[in-house]
Amino acid sequence: MSQPQPQTTTGVPVTFDNTKALRWRTFYKRLAKNKAALAGTFIIILVIILGIFAPLLATHDPNTPNVMNKLQGPSAEHYLGTDEMGRDIFSRLLFGTRVSLGIGFVSTLLGAIVGVTLGIVAGYYGRWVDSLIMRICDILLAFPGILLALAIVSVLGASTRNVIIAVAFYAIPSFARIVRGSTLSVKKLEYVDAIRAMGSRDGRIIFRHILPNIMSPIIVQATLYIASAIITASALSFLGMGTRPPTAEWGAMLSQGRAYLAQAPHITLFPGLVILLVVIGFNLMGDGLRDALDPKSRK
């Protein structure tokens, strides 16, 4: 004889799909109440769309110089003016969006994959494995992010690929420490002991039962780290250790315009504003996701 399904207060049977849908609706409602998070999300979506459609929206070739039009201010022909080589700043910012956001997303993804794996292994197995992984993370965290990235790029050479490697490398200990703490909490729950007693292998327990339950802090950390990755990549390019010219990149555009601050401040003003808005957008969205996903903040 089948067991009756649990009923809600309205008399509707509670199923797995209903529970999952209710969980998502609650998340969206909590996120929608945070106006700052919505503003940040809007900024990020807008910037991503501009980057995707950069070839269609650009008014000029971003890398073609025109010395006859150099250092011009904003005008109807050049919306944000031109740089020291006569290149259109608006078009370069659009194409630079692809480079800067690409570095931020890819480096964060690579760092998250390695860091999450190490964090789960350390938290699940403990003992000497935990001690070894955490001591390595402590050593990496002892160095400021920009200095560690500078050291790695100095060894590997200046290029977009090496910047991604350097930024991703510093993301590993941050993700590992967060995931380790969450894993330590989840693995003590009774359902994990029950699954282990049923003969499930460690790999299945880790990736089928523990990982899905610790995704919230991972998502929040990834969102916040993208902002840090963009700043670090821009700083490396500003110092001449990042993306090589003539590729358009926000940090490189800042560096190229610093010699013309008095004569043409718009060359550095607009790339700086774009970096500021994008970083603020990711931080606002990350804070909103943290509040919406954190069970302790629910009333």
C-alpha atoms as a PDB file:
ATOM      1  CA  MET A   1       0.000   0.000   0.000  1.00  0.00           C
ATOM      2  CA  SER A   2       1.539   3.282  -1.151  1.00  0.00           C
ATOM      3  CA  GLN A   3       2.272   6.033   1.316  1.00  0.00           C
ATOM      4  CA  PRO A   4       0.234   9.214   0.930  1.00  0.00           C
ATOM      5  CA  GLN A   5       2.134  12.206  -0.393  1.00  0.00           C
ATOM      6  CA  PRO A   6       2.724  15.034   2.067  1.00  0.00           C
ATOM      7  CA  GLN A   7       0.278  17.884   1.708  1.00  0.00           C
ATOM      8  CA  THR A   8       0.858  21.612   1.828  1.00  0.00           C
ATOM      9  CA  THR A   9      -1.446  23.957   3.724  1.00  0.00           C
ATOM     10  CA  THR A  10      -3.440  24.372   0.505  1.00  0.00           C
ATOM     11  CA  GLY A  11      -3.888  20.641   0.094  1.00  0.00           C
ATOM     12  CA  VAL A  12      -1.543  20.377  -2.909  1.00  0.00           C
ATOM     13  CA  PRO A  13       0.786  17.349  -2.776  1.00  0.00           C
ATOM     14  CA  VAL A  14       4.428  18.260  -2.234  1.00  0.00           C
ATOM     15  CA  THR A  15       6.725  16.671  -4.825  1.00  0.00           C
ATOM     16  CA  PHE A  16      10.400  17.127  -5.563  1.00  0.00           C
ATOM     17  CA  ASP A  17       9.615  19.369  -8.555  1.00  0.00           C
ATOM     18  CA  ASN A  18       7.253  21.516  -6.470  1.00  0.00           C
ATOM     19  CA  THR A  19       9.862  21.913  -3.751  1.00  0.00           C
ATOM     20  CA  LYS A  20      12.548  22.842  -6.264  1.00  0.00           C
ATOM     21  CA  ALA A  21      10.278  25.356  -7.989  1.00  0.00           C
ATOM     22  CA  LEU A  22       9.302  26.857  -4.634  1.00  0.00           C
ATOM     23  CA  ARG A  23      12.972  27.194  -3.721  1.00  0.00           C
ATOM     24  CA  TRP A  24      13.725  29.051  -6.949  1.00  0.00           C
ATOM     25  CA  ARG A  25      10.713  31.342  -6.533  1.00  0.00           C
ATOM     26  CA  THR A  26      11.852  32.203  -3.026  1.00  0.00           C
ATOM     27  CA  PHE A  27      15.343  32.947  -4.319  1.00  0.00           C
ATOM     28  CA  TYR A  28      14.049  35.249  -7.066  1.00  0.00           C
ATOM     29  CA  LYS A  29      11.762  37.084  -4.655  1.00  0.00           C
ATOM     30  CA  ARG A  30      14.599  37.698  -2.223  1.00  0.00           C
ATOM     31  CA  LEU A  31      16.895  38.843  -5.014  1.00  0.00           C
ATOM     32  CA  ALA A  32      14.233  41.137  -6.484  1.00  0.00           C
ATOM     33  CA  LYS A  33      13.863  42.933  -3.142  1.00  0.00           C
ATOM     34  CA  ASN A  34      17.511  43.982  -3.313  1.00  0.00           C
ATOM     35  CA  LYS A  35      17.459  46.984  -5.638  1.00  0.00           C
ATOM     36  CA  ALA A  36      21.235  47.386  -5.528  1.00  0.00           C
ATOM     37  CA  ALA A  37      21.692  43.782  -6.667  1.00  0.00           C
ATOM     38  CA  LEU A  38      19.266  44.322  -9.536  1.00  0.00           C
ATOM     39  CA  ALA A  39      21.163  47.450 -10.571  1.00  0.00           C
ATOM     40  CA  GLY A  40      24.437  45.538 -10.513  1.00  0.00           C
ATOM     41  CA  THR A  41      22.927  42.681 -12.519  1.00  0.00           C
ATOM     42  CA  PHE A  42      21.588  45.160 -15.084  1.00  0.00           C
ATOM     43  CA  ILE A  43      25.051  46.718 -15.471  1.00  0.00           C
ATOM     44  CA  ILE A  44      26.711  43.347 -15.987  1.00  0.00           C
ATOM     45  CA  ILE A  45      24.099  42.132 -18.489  1.00  0.00           C
ATOM     46  CA  LEU A  46      24.367  45.398 -20.420  1.00  0.00           C
ATOM     47  CA  VAL A  47      28.165  45.211 -20.577  1.00  0.00           C
ATOM     48  CA  ILE A  48      28.050  41.562 -21.690  1.00  0.00           C
ATOM     49  CA  ILE A  49      25.591  42.427 -24.463  1.00  0.00           C
ATOM     50  CA  LEU A  50      27.787  45.321 -25.608  1.00  0.00           C
ATOM     51  CA  GLY A  51      30.780  43.004 -25.721  1.00  0.00           C
ATOM     52  CA  ILE A  52      28.933  40.320 -27.691  1.00  0.00           C
ATOM     53  CA  PHE A  53      27.683  42.787 -30.307  1.00  0.00           C
ATOM     54  CA  ALA A  54      30.863  44.886 -30.383  1.00  0.00           C
ATOM     55  CA  PRO A  55      31.473  44.303 -34.132  1.00  0.00           C
ATOM     56  CA  LEU A  56      27.984  45.613 -34.904  1.00  0.00           C
ATOM     57  CA  LEU A  57      28.043  48.557 -32.486  1.00  0.00           C
ATOM     58  CA  ALA A  58      31.590  49.792 -33.140  1.00  0.00           C
ATOM     59  CA  THR A  59      31.708  52.900 -35.310  1.00  0.00           C
ATOM     60  CA  HIS A  60      35.371  52.493 -36.343  1.00  0.00           C
ATOM     61  CA  ASP A  61      38.038  49.835 -36.520  1.00  0.00           C
ATOM     62  CA  PRO A  62      39.465  49.682 -32.967  1.00  0.00           C
ATOM     63  CA  ASN A  63      43.067  49.134 -34.074  1.00  0.00           C
ATOM     64  CA  THR A  64      43.360  51.364 -37.146  1.00  0.00           C
ATOM     65  CA  PRO A  65      45.300  54.559 -36.347  1.00  0.00           C
ATOM     66  CA  ASN A  66      44.517  57.959 -37.860  1.00  0.00           C
ATOM     67  CA  VAL A  67      47.116  60.485 -36.794  1.00  0.00           C
ATOM     68  CA  MET A  68      45.108  63.302 -38.382  1.00  0.00           C
ATOM     69  CA  ASN A  69      42.389  62.818 -35.737  1.00  0.00           C
ATOM     70  CA  LYS A  70      44.517  62.085 -32.668  1.00  0.00           C
ATOM     71  CA  LEU A  71      43.611  63.431 -29.215  1.00  0.00           C
ATOM     72  CA  GLN A  72      40.183  64.656 -30.320  1.00  0.00           C
ATOM     73  CA  GLY A  73      37.490  65.095 -27.702  1.00  0.00           C
ATOM     74  CA  PRO A  74      34.029  63.502 -27.833  1.00  0.00           C
ATOM     75  CA  SER A  75      32.099  64.433 -30.969  1.00  0.00           C
ATOM     76  CA  ALA A  76      29.364  63.176 -33.273  1.00  0.00           C
ATOM     77  CA  GLU A  77      31.927  61.203 -35.269  1.00  0.00           C
ATOM     78  CA  HIS A  78      33.839  59.868 -32.268  1.00  0.00           C
ATOM     79  CA  TYR A  79      31.427  59.486 -29.360  1.00  0.00           C
ATOM     80  CA  LEU A  80      34.148  59.271 -26.704  1.00  0.00           C
ATOM     81  CA  GLY A  81      36.932  60.951 -28.631  1.00  0.00           C
ATOM     82  CA  THR A  82      40.177  59.512 -30.000  1.00  0.00           C
ATOM     83  CA  ASP A  83      43.447  58.446 -28.400  1.00  0.00           C
ATOM     84  CA  GLU A  84      47.053  59.443 -29.064  1.00  0.00           C
ATOM     85  CA  MET A  85      47.057  57.462 -32.326  1.00  0.00           C
ATOM     86  CA  GLY A  86      43.675  58.684 -33.557  1.00  0.00           C
ATOM     87  CA  ARG A  87      41.869  55.430 -32.753  1.00  0.00           C
ATOM     88  CA  ASP A  88      38.225  55.620 -31.724  1.00  0.00           C
ATOM     89  CA  ILE A  89      37.940  55.174 -27.941  1.00  0.00           C
ATOM     90  CA  PHE A  90      34.297  54.062 -28.052  1.00  0.00           C
ATOM     91  CA  SER A  91      35.098  51.217 -30.444  1.00  0.00           C
ATOM     92  CA  ARG A  92      38.159  50.216 -28.446  1.00  0.00           C
ATOM     93  CA  LEU A  93      36.140  50.090 -25.225  1.00  0.00           C
ATOM     94  CA  LEU A  94      33.584  47.810 -26.885  1.00  0.00           C
ATOM     95  CA  PHE A  95      36.224  45.366 -28.091  1.00  0.00           C
ATOM     96  CA  GLY A  96      38.114  45.739 -24.814  1.00  0.00           C
ATOM     97  CA  THR A  97      35.000  44.447 -23.070  1.00  0.00           C
ATOM     98  CA  ARG A  98      35.536  41.078 -24.693  1.00  0.00           C
ATOM     99  CA  VAL A  99      39.137  40.890 -23.505  1.00  0.00           C
ATOM    100  CA  SER A 100      38.605  42.135 -19.942  1.00  0.00           C
ATOM    101  CA  LEU A 101      35.446  40.130 -19.262  1.00  0.00           C
ATOM    102  CA  GLY A 102      36.964  37.101 -20.964  1.00  0.00           C
ATOM    103  CA  ILE A 103      39.961  37.241 -18.640  1.00  0.00           C
ATOM    104  CA  GLY A 104      37.668  37.687 -15.630  1.00  0.00           C
ATOM    105  CA  PHE A 105      35.338  34.805 -16.469  1.00  0.00           C
ATOM    106  CA  VAL A 106      37.922  32.290 -17.701  1.00  0.00           C
ATOM    107  CA  SER A 107      40.416  32.895 -14.889  1.00  0.00           C
ATOM    108  CA  THR A 108      37.658  32.634 -12.281  1.00  0.00           C
ATOM    109  CA  LEU A 109      36.358  29.425 -13.849  1.00  0.00           C
ATOM    110  CA  LEU A 110      39.804  27.811 -13.901  1.00  0.00           C
ATOM    111  CA  GLY A 111      40.576  28.912 -10.348  1.00  0.00           C
ATOM    112  CA  ALA A 112      37.190  27.675  -9.156  1.00  0.00           C
ATOM    113  CA  ILE A 113      37.582  24.232 -10.736  1.00  0.00           C
ATOM    114  CA  VAL A 114      40.956  23.614  -9.097  1.00  0.00           C
ATOM    115  CA  GLY A 115      40.114  25.363  -5.818  1.00  0.00           C
ATOM    116  CA  VAL A 116      36.767  23.628  -5.365  1.00  0.00           C
ATOM    117  CA  THR A 117      38.329  20.231  -6.030  1.00  0.00           C
ATOM    118  CA  LEU A 118      41.130  20.827  -3.524  1.00  0.00           C
ATOM    119  CA  GLY A 119      38.723  22.246  -0.940  1.00  0.00           C
ATOM    120  CA  ILE A 120      36.356  19.293  -1.122  1.00  0.00           C
ATOM    121  CA  VAL A 121      39.195  16.789  -0.928  1.00  0.00           C
ATOM    122  CA  ALA A 122      40.718  18.592   2.064  1.00  0.00           C
ATOM    123  CA  GLY A 123      37.418  18.899   3.916  1.00  0.00           C
ATOM    124  CA  TYR A 124      36.205  15.376   3.177  1.00  0.00           C
ATOM    125  CA  TYR A 125      39.353  13.376   3.901  1.00  0.00           C
ATOM    126  CA  GLY A 126      40.928  15.619   6.546  1.00  0.00           C
ATOM    127  CA  ARG A 127      44.085  14.545   8.395  1.00  0.00           C
ATOM    128  CA  TRP A 128      47.371  15.013   6.530  1.00  0.00           C
ATOM    129  CA  VAL A 129      45.622  15.695   3.215  1.00  0.00           C
ATOM    130  CA  ASP A 130      43.767  18.611   4.780  1.00  0.00           C
ATOM    131  CA  SER A 131      46.907  19.924   6.468  1.00  0.00           C
ATOM    132  CA  LEU A 132      48.999  19.746   3.305  1.00  0.00           C
ATOM    133  CA  ILE A 133      46.453  21.489   1.081  1.00  0.00           C
ATOM    134  CA  MET A 134      45.671  24.204   3.606  1.00  0.00           C
ATOM    135  CA  ARG A 135      49.339  24.974   4.291  1.00  0.00           C
ATOM    136  CA  ILE A 136      49.920  25.436   0.570  1.00  0.00           C
ATOM    137  CA  CYS A 137      46.898  27.749   0.434  1.00  0.00           C
ATOM    138  CA  ASP A 138      48.230  29.717   3.411  1.00  0.00           C
ATOM    139  CA  ILE A 139      51.534  30.236   1.613  1.00  0.00           C
ATOM    140  CA  LEU A 140      49.778  31.494  -1.519  1.00  0.00           C
ATOM    141  CA  LEU A 141      47.502  33.796   0.477  1.00  0.00           C
ATOM    142  CA  ALA A 142      50.524  35.306   2.235  1.00  0.00           C
ATOM    143  CA  PHE A 143      51.388  37.116  -0.998  1.00  0.00           C
ATOM    144  CA  PRO A 144      49.271  40.044  -2.240  1.00  0.00           C
ATOM    145  CA  GLY A 145      47.357  39.036  -5.363  1.00  0.00           C
ATOM    146  CA  ILE A 146      48.938  41.583  -7.667  1.00  0.00           C
ATOM    147  CA  LEU A 147      52.485  40.663  -6.562  1.00  0.00           C
ATOM    148  CA  LEU A 148      51.861  36.961  -7.075  1.00  0.00           C
ATOM    149  CA  ALA A 149      50.348  37.667 -10.493  1.00  0.00           C
ATOM    150  CA  LEU A 150      53.316  39.873 -11.392  1.00  0.00           C
ATOM    151  CA  ALA A 151      55.743  37.118 -10.419  1.00  0.00           C
ATOM    152  CA  ILE A 152      53.925  34.505 -12.502  1.00  0.00           C
ATOM    153  CA  VAL A 153      53.626  36.766 -15.573  1.00  0.00           C
ATOM    154  CA  SER A 154      57.288  37.752 -15.224  1.00  0.00           C
ATOM    155  CA  VAL A 155      58.250  34.093 -15.462  1.00  0.00           C
ATOM    156  CA  LEU A 156      55.777  33.101 -18.201  1.00  0.00           C
ATOM    157  CA  GLY A 157      55.892  36.313 -20.233  1.00  0.00           C
ATOM    158  CA  ALA A 158      53.365  39.031 -20.990  1.00  0.00           C
ATOM    159  CA  SER A 159      50.293  37.760 -22.855  1.00  0.00           C
ATOM    160  CA  THR A 160      46.563  37.410 -22.362  1.00  0.00           C
ATOM    161  CA  ARG A 161      46.895  33.661 -21.780  1.00  0.00           C
ATOM    162  CA  ASN A 162      49.532  34.114 -19.098  1.00  0.00           C
ATOM    163  CA  VAL A 163      47.454  36.803 -17.378  1.00  0.00           C
ATOM    164  CA  ILE A 164      44.572  34.325 -17.182  1.00  0.00           C
ATOM    165  CA  ILE A 165      46.900  31.705 -15.681  1.00  0.00           C
ATOM    166  CA  ALA A 166      48.289  34.172 -13.130  1.00  0.00           C
ATOM    167  CA  VAL A 167      44.874  35.457 -12.034  1.00  0.00           C
ATOM    168  CA  ALA A 168      43.428  31.930 -11.880  1.00  0.00           C
ATOM    169  CA  PHE A 169      46.363  30.722  -9.798  1.00  0.00           C
ATOM    170  CA  TYR A 170      45.641  33.255  -7.066  1.00  0.00           C
ATOM    171  CA  ALA A 171      41.931  32.316  -7.075  1.00  0.00           C
ATOM    172  CA  ILE A 172      42.667  28.720  -6.086  1.00  0.00           C
ATOM    173  CA  PRO A 173      43.359  29.212  -2.335  1.00  0.00           C
ATOM    174  CA  SER A 174      40.319  31.494  -1.898  1.00  0.00           C
ATOM    175  CA  PHE A 175      37.945  28.907  -3.342  1.00  0.00           C
ATOM    176  CA  ALA A 176      39.699  26.045  -1.539  1.00  0.00           C
ATOM    177  CA  ARG A 177      39.306  27.607   1.918  1.00  0.00           C
ATOM    178  CA  ILE A 178      35.632  28.481   1.409  1.00  0.00           C
ATOM    179  CA  VAL A 179      34.751  25.059   0.009  1.00  0.00           C
ATOM    180  CA  ARG A 180      36.693  23.244   2.729  1.00  0.00           C
ATOM    181  CA  GLY A 181      34.693  24.975   5.459  1.00  0.00           C
ATOM    182  CA  SER A 182      31.389  24.201   3.755  1.00  0.00           C
ATOM    183  CA  THR A 183      32.415  20.583   3.195  1.00  0.00           C
ATOM    184  CA  LEU A 184      33.291  20.137   6.862  1.00  0.00           C
ATOM    185  CA  SER A 185      29.778  21.287   7.785  1.00  0.00           C
ATOM    186  CA  VAL A 186      27.916  19.187   5.223  1.00  0.00           C
ATOM    187  CA  LYS A 187      29.817  15.915   5.743  1.00  0.00           C
ATOM    188  CA  LYS A 188      28.724  15.846   9.417  1.00  0.00           C
ATOM    189  CA  LEU A 189      25.040  15.667   8.443  1.00  0.00           C
ATOM    190  CA  GLU A 190      23.200  12.426   9.033  1.00  0.00           C
ATOM    191  CA  TYR A 191      22.218  11.810   5.426  1.00  0.00           C
ATOM    192  CA  VAL A 192      25.910  11.688   4.425  1.00  0.00           C
ATOM    193  CA  ASP A 193      26.553   9.026   7.069  1.00  0.00           C
ATOM    194  CA  ALA A 194      23.549   7.091   5.822  1.00  0.00           C
ATOM    195  CA  ILE A 195      24.765   7.220   2.212  1.00  0.00           C
ATOM    196  CA  ARG A 196      28.222   6.091   3.276  1.00  0.00           C
ATOM    197  CA  ALA A 197      26.721   3.230   5.287  1.00  0.00           C
ATOM    198  CA  MET A 198      24.832   2.095   2.176  1.00  0.00           C
ATOM    199  CA  GLY A 199      28.155   1.514   0.452  1.00  0.00           C
ATOM    200  CA  SER A 200      28.418   4.586  -1.777  1.00  0.00           C
ATOM    201  CA  ARG A 201      31.915   5.421  -2.948  1.00  0.00           C
ATOM    202  CA  ASP A 202      33.682   8.605  -1.904  1.00  0.00           C
ATOM    203  CA  GLY A 203      33.544  10.065  -5.398  1.00  0.00           C
ATOM    204  CA  ARG A 204      29.789   9.650  -5.586  1.00  0.00           C
ATOM    205  CA  ILE A 205      29.285  11.118  -2.128  1.00  0.00           C
ATOM    206  CA  ILE A 206      31.484  14.111  -2.899  1.00  0.00           C
ATOM    207  CA  PHE A 207      30.177  15.071  -6.339  1.00  0.00           C
ATOM    208  CA  ARG A 208      26.569  13.850  -6.083  1.00  0.00           C
ATOM    209  CA  HIS A 209      25.665  14.794  -2.527  1.00  0.00           C
ATOM    210  CA  ILE A 210      28.156  17.233  -0.996  1.00  0.00           C
ATOM    211  CA  LEU A 211      28.982  19.487  -3.966  1.00  0.00           C
ATOM    212  CA  PRO A 212      25.346  20.364  -4.841  1.00  0.00           C
ATOM    213  CA  ASN A 213      24.777  21.433  -1.230  1.00  0.00           C
ATOM    214  CA  ILE A 214      27.711  23.837  -1.125  1.00  0.00           C
ATOM    215  CA  MET A 215      27.114  25.606  -4.452  1.00  0.00           C
ATOM    216  CA  SER A 216      25.772  28.788  -2.841  1.00  0.00           C
ATOM    217  CA  PRO A 217      29.086  30.048  -1.395  1.00  0.00           C
ATOM    218  CA  ILE A 218      30.878  28.964  -4.574  1.00  0.00           C
ATOM    219  CA  ILE A 219      28.555  31.035  -6.760  1.00  0.00           C
ATOM    220  CA  VAL A 220      28.885  34.078  -4.517  1.00  0.00           C
ATOM    221  CA  GLN A 221      32.676  33.790  -4.350  1.00  0.00           C
ATOM    222  CA  ALA A 222      32.919  33.394  -8.124  1.00  0.00           C
ATOM    223  CA  THR A 223      30.798  36.484  -8.736  1.00  0.00           C
ATOM    224  CA  LEU A 224      32.863  38.590  -6.374  1.00  0.00           C
ATOM    225  CA  TYR A 225      36.175  37.246  -7.645  1.00  0.00           C
ATOM    226  CA  ILE A 226      35.415  38.200 -11.247  1.00  0.00           C
ATOM    227  CA  ALA A 227      35.601  41.840 -10.153  1.00  0.00           C
ATOM    228  CA  SER A 228      38.992  41.230  -8.526  1.00  0.00           C
ATOM    229  CA  ALA A 229      40.188  39.374 -11.621  1.00  0.00           C
ATOM    230  CA  ILE A 230      39.267  42.306 -13.868  1.00  0.00           C
ATOM    231  CA  ILE A 231      41.108  44.748 -11.604  1.00  0.00           C
ATOM    232  CA  THR A 232      44.204  42.519 -11.441  1.00  0.00           C
ATOM    233  CA  ALA A 233      44.242  41.982 -15.206  1.00  0.00           C
ATOM    234  CA  SER A 234      43.824  45.720 -15.802  1.00  0.00           C
ATOM    235  CA  ALA A 235      46.656  46.449 -13.370  1.00  0.00           C
ATOM    236  CA  LEU A 236      48.964  44.015 -15.161  1.00  0.00           C
ATOM    237  CA  SER A 237      48.147  45.578 -18.521  1.00  0.00           C
ATOM    238  CA  PHE A 238      48.636  49.035 -17.045  1.00  0.00           C
ATOM    239  CA  LEU A 239      52.136  47.987 -15.990  1.00  0.00           C
ATOM    240  CA  GLY A 240      52.861  46.556 -19.428  1.00  0.00           C
ATOM    241  CA  MET A 241      52.709  42.938 -18.218  1.00  0.00           C
ATOM    242  CA  GLY A 242      49.334  41.994 -19.644  1.00  0.00           C
ATOM    243  CA  THR A 243      47.651  42.044 -23.027  1.00  0.00           C
ATOM    244  CA  ARG A 244      50.033  43.144 -25.742  1.00  0.00           C
ATOM    245  CA  PRO A 245      49.218  46.115 -28.010  1.00  0.00           C
ATOM    246  CA  PRO A 246      47.465  46.895 -30.260  1.00  0.00           C
ATOM    247  CA  THR A 247      44.778  44.678 -28.687  1.00  0.00           C
ATOM    248  CA  ALA A 248      42.183  46.840 -26.946  1.00  0.00           C
ATOM    249  CA  GLU A 249      42.090  46.232 -23.184  1.00  0.00           C
ATOM    250  CA  TRP A 250      40.857  48.584 -20.476  1.00  0.00           C
ATOM    251  CA  GLY A 251      44.010  48.579 -18.355  1.00  0.00           C
ATOM    252  CA  ALA A 252      46.240  49.065 -21.409  1.00  0.00           C
ATOM    253  CA  MET A 253      44.072  51.998 -22.513  1.00  0.00           C
ATOM    254  CA  LEU A 254      44.566  53.603 -19.107  1.00  0.00           C
ATOM    255  CA  SER A 255      48.302  53.159 -19.385  1.00  0.00           C
ATOM    256  CA  GLN A 256      48.493  54.604 -22.882  1.00  0.00           C
ATOM    257  CA  GLY A 257      46.547  57.714 -21.899  1.00  0.00           C
ATOM    258  CA  ARG A 258      48.403  58.637 -18.707  1.00  0.00           C
ATOM    259  CA  ALA A 259      50.962  60.689 -20.672  1.00  0.00           C
ATOM    260  CA  TYR A 260      48.144  62.857 -22.011  1.00  0.00           C
ATOM    261  CA  LEU A 261      46.182  63.551 -18.818  1.00  0.00           C
ATOM    262  CA  ALA A 262      46.572  67.312 -19.077  1.00  0.00           C
ATOM    263  CA  GLN A 263      46.053  67.497 -22.838  1.00  0.00           C
ATOM    264  CA  ALA A 264      43.367  64.838 -23.363  1.00  0.00           C
ATOM    265  CA  PRO A 265      41.993  63.481 -20.063  1.00  0.00           C
ATOM    266  CA  HIS A 266      39.176  61.633 -21.845  1.00  0.00           C
ATOM    267  CA  ILE A 267      41.646  58.948 -22.952  1.00  0.00           C
ATOM    268  CA  THR A 268      41.929  57.677 -19.374  1.00  0.00           C
ATOM    269  CA  LEU A 269      38.585  58.934 -18.058  1.00  0.00           C
ATOM    270  CA  PHE A 270      36.318  56.625 -20.032  1.00  0.00           C
ATOM    271  CA  PRO A 271      38.263  53.352 -19.562  1.00  0.00           C
ATOM    272  CA  GLY A 272      38.523  54.148 -15.857  1.00  0.00           C
ATOM    273  CA  LEU A 273      34.777  54.737 -15.602  1.00  0.00           C
ATOM    274  CA  VAL A 274      34.030  51.472 -17.397  1.00  0.00           C
ATOM    275  CA  ILE A 275      36.285  49.505 -15.031  1.00  0.00           C
ATOM    276  CA  LEU A 276      34.659  51.243 -12.053  1.00  0.00           C
ATOM    277  CA  LEU A 277      31.099  50.495 -13.213  1.00  0.00           C
ATOM    278  CA  VAL A 278      31.798  46.853 -14.054  1.00  0.00           C
ATOM    279  CA  VAL A 279      33.549  46.175 -10.736  1.00  0.00           C
ATOM    280  CA  ILE A 280      30.740  47.868  -8.811  1.00  0.00           C
ATOM    281  CA  GLY A 281      28.207  45.863 -10.810  1.00  0.00           C
ATOM    282  CA  PHE A 282      29.817  42.516  -9.939  1.00  0.00           C
ATOM    283  CA  ASN A 283      30.169  43.477  -6.279  1.00  0.00           C
ATOM    284  CA  LEU A 284      26.526  44.548  -6.012  1.00  0.00           C
ATOM    285  CA  MET A 285      25.357  41.392  -7.762  1.00  0.00           C
ATOM    286  CA  GLY A 286      27.581  39.234  -5.558  1.00  0.00           C
ATOM    287  CA  ASP A 287      26.264  40.849  -2.384  1.00  0.00           C
ATOM    288  CA  GLY A 288      22.700  40.317  -3.593  1.00  0.00           C
ATOM    289  CA  LEU A 289      23.343  36.659  -4.390  1.00  0.00           C
ATOM    290  CA  ARG A 290      24.918  36.163  -0.967  1.00  0.00           C
ATOM    291  CA  ASP A 291      21.864  37.617   0.784  1.00  0.00           C
ATOM    292  CA  ALA A 292      19.444  35.614  -1.383  1.00  0.00           C
ATOM    293  CA  LEU A 293      21.289  32.310  -1.008  1.00  0.00           C
ATOM    294  CA  ASP A 294      22.322  32.579   2.650  1.00  0.00           C
ATOM    295  CA  PRO A 295      19.839  30.604   4.784  1.00  0.00           C
ATOM    296  CA  LYS A 296      20.912  32.523   7.916  1.00  0.00           C
ATOM    297  CA  SER A 297      19.600  35.789   6.486  1.00  0.00           C
ATOM    298  CA  ARG A 298      16.087  34.426   5.990  1.00  0.00           C
ATOM    299  CA  LYS A 299      13.459  35.669   8.353  1.00  0.00           C
END
